[in-house]
Amino acid sequence: MPGPIDVALDTRGSIDLAAERARLTKDRAAAEKEAAQARAKLDNPAFVGKAPEPVVAKIRDRLAVAEADLTRINAALEALPS
């Protein structure tokens, strides 16, 4: 059985860079807002102390997803040609 095959497509002419940059910027703002809201709750000792553990775990998961999204979005923005 042959090994893996890499395929590269030249999409430079088919992607609207301005629209893609705007979309990613909007997505980044949403992820930053989500991360900030989750951090605010987790940094509040009263919330963490009173909330049931499943609720706190859900907020931690939301923060982790938002941070992963920010990493992915920032990498995609940096990869876009100027």
Protein backbone atom coordinates (compact mmCIF):
# COMPACT_ATOMS: atom_id res chain seq x y z
CA MET A 1 0.00 0.00 0.00
CA PRO A 2 1.47 3.41 -0.95
CA GLY A 3 2.19 6.07 1.65
CA PRO A 4 0.29 9.32 2.25
CA ILE A 5 -0.09 11.82 -0.56
CA ASP A 6 0.20 15.58 -0.07
CA VAL A 7 -1.87 17.79 -2.31
CA ALA A 8 -1.32 21.55 -2.57
CA LEU A 9 -3.79 23.90 -4.23
CA ASP A 10 -2.98 27.44 -5.27
CA THR A 11 -5.97 29.40 -3.94
CA ARG A 12 -4.39 32.85 -4.08
CA GLY A 13 -6.77 34.06 -6.76
CA SER A 14 -9.93 32.57 -5.28
CA ILE A 15 -9.88 33.95 -1.73
CA ASP A 16 -11.01 37.48 -0.97
CA LEU A 17 -8.27 38.42 1.50
CA ALA A 18 -10.04 41.51 2.81
CA ALA A 19 -13.22 39.55 3.50
CA GLU A 20 -11.28 36.70 5.12
CA ARG A 21 -9.33 39.14 7.30
CA ALA A 22 -12.60 40.84 8.33
CA ARG A 23 -14.23 37.48 9.14
CA LEU A 24 -11.26 36.34 11.21
CA THR A 25 -11.10 39.69 13.02
CA LYS A 26 -14.79 39.39 13.90
CA ASP A 27 -14.26 35.80 15.09
CA ARG A 28 -11.29 36.92 17.19
CA ALA A 29 -13.36 39.62 18.88
CA ALA A 30 -16.05 37.06 19.74
CA ALA A 31 -13.46 34.63 21.14
CA GLU A 32 -11.80 37.42 23.16
CA LYS A 33 -15.19 38.39 24.63
CA GLU A 34 -15.99 34.78 25.52
CA ALA A 35 -12.57 34.31 27.14
CA ALA A 36 -12.90 37.56 29.11
CA GLN A 37 -16.34 36.59 30.41
CA ALA A 38 -15.14 33.14 31.45
CA ARG A 39 -12.03 34.57 33.15
CA ALA A 40 -14.15 37.12 35.03
CA LYS A 41 -16.33 34.36 36.45
CA LEU A 42 -13.42 32.10 37.31
CA ASP A 43 -11.50 34.98 38.92
CA ASN A 44 -14.48 35.72 41.18
CA PRO A 45 -14.00 33.70 44.40
CA ALA A 46 -17.67 34.16 45.31
CA PHE A 47 -18.78 32.58 42.03
CA VAL A 48 -16.31 29.70 42.20
CA GLY A 49 -17.14 29.08 45.87
CA LYS A 50 -20.93 29.05 45.44
CA ALA A 51 -21.43 27.58 41.98
CA PRO A 52 -21.83 23.82 41.62
CA GLU A 53 -18.70 22.08 40.32
CA PRO A 54 -20.34 21.11 36.99
CA VAL A 55 -21.06 24.79 36.31
CA VAL A 56 -17.49 25.81 37.15
CA ALA A 57 -16.17 22.97 34.96
CA LYS A 58 -18.35 24.16 32.09
CA ILE A 59 -16.95 27.70 32.42
CA ARG A 60 -13.39 26.29 32.45
CA ASP A 61 -14.18 24.33 29.30
CA ARG A 62 -15.59 27.46 27.64
CA LEU A 63 -12.39 29.32 28.52
CA ALA A 64 -10.23 26.53 27.09
CA VAL A 65 -12.23 26.51 23.84
CA ALA A 66 -12.05 30.31 23.55
CA GLU A 67 -8.28 30.28 24.12
CA ALA A 68 -7.83 27.53 21.51
CA ASP A 69 -9.97 29.54 19.09
CA LEU A 70 -7.82 32.62 19.71
CA THR A 71 -4.64 30.65 18.99
CA ARG A 72 -6.12 29.25 15.77
CA ILE A 73 -7.55 32.60 14.62
CA ASN A 74 -4.35 34.53 15.35
CA ALA A 75 -2.31 31.95 13.43
CA ALA A 76 -4.72 32.20 10.49
CA LEU A 77 -4.49 36.01 10.51
CA GLU A 78 -0.70 35.89 10.60
CA ALA A 79 -0.66 33.42 7.71
CA LEU A 80 -2.67 35.70 5.44
CA PRO A 81 -0.54 37.57 2.93
CA SER A 82 -0.39 41.33 3.35
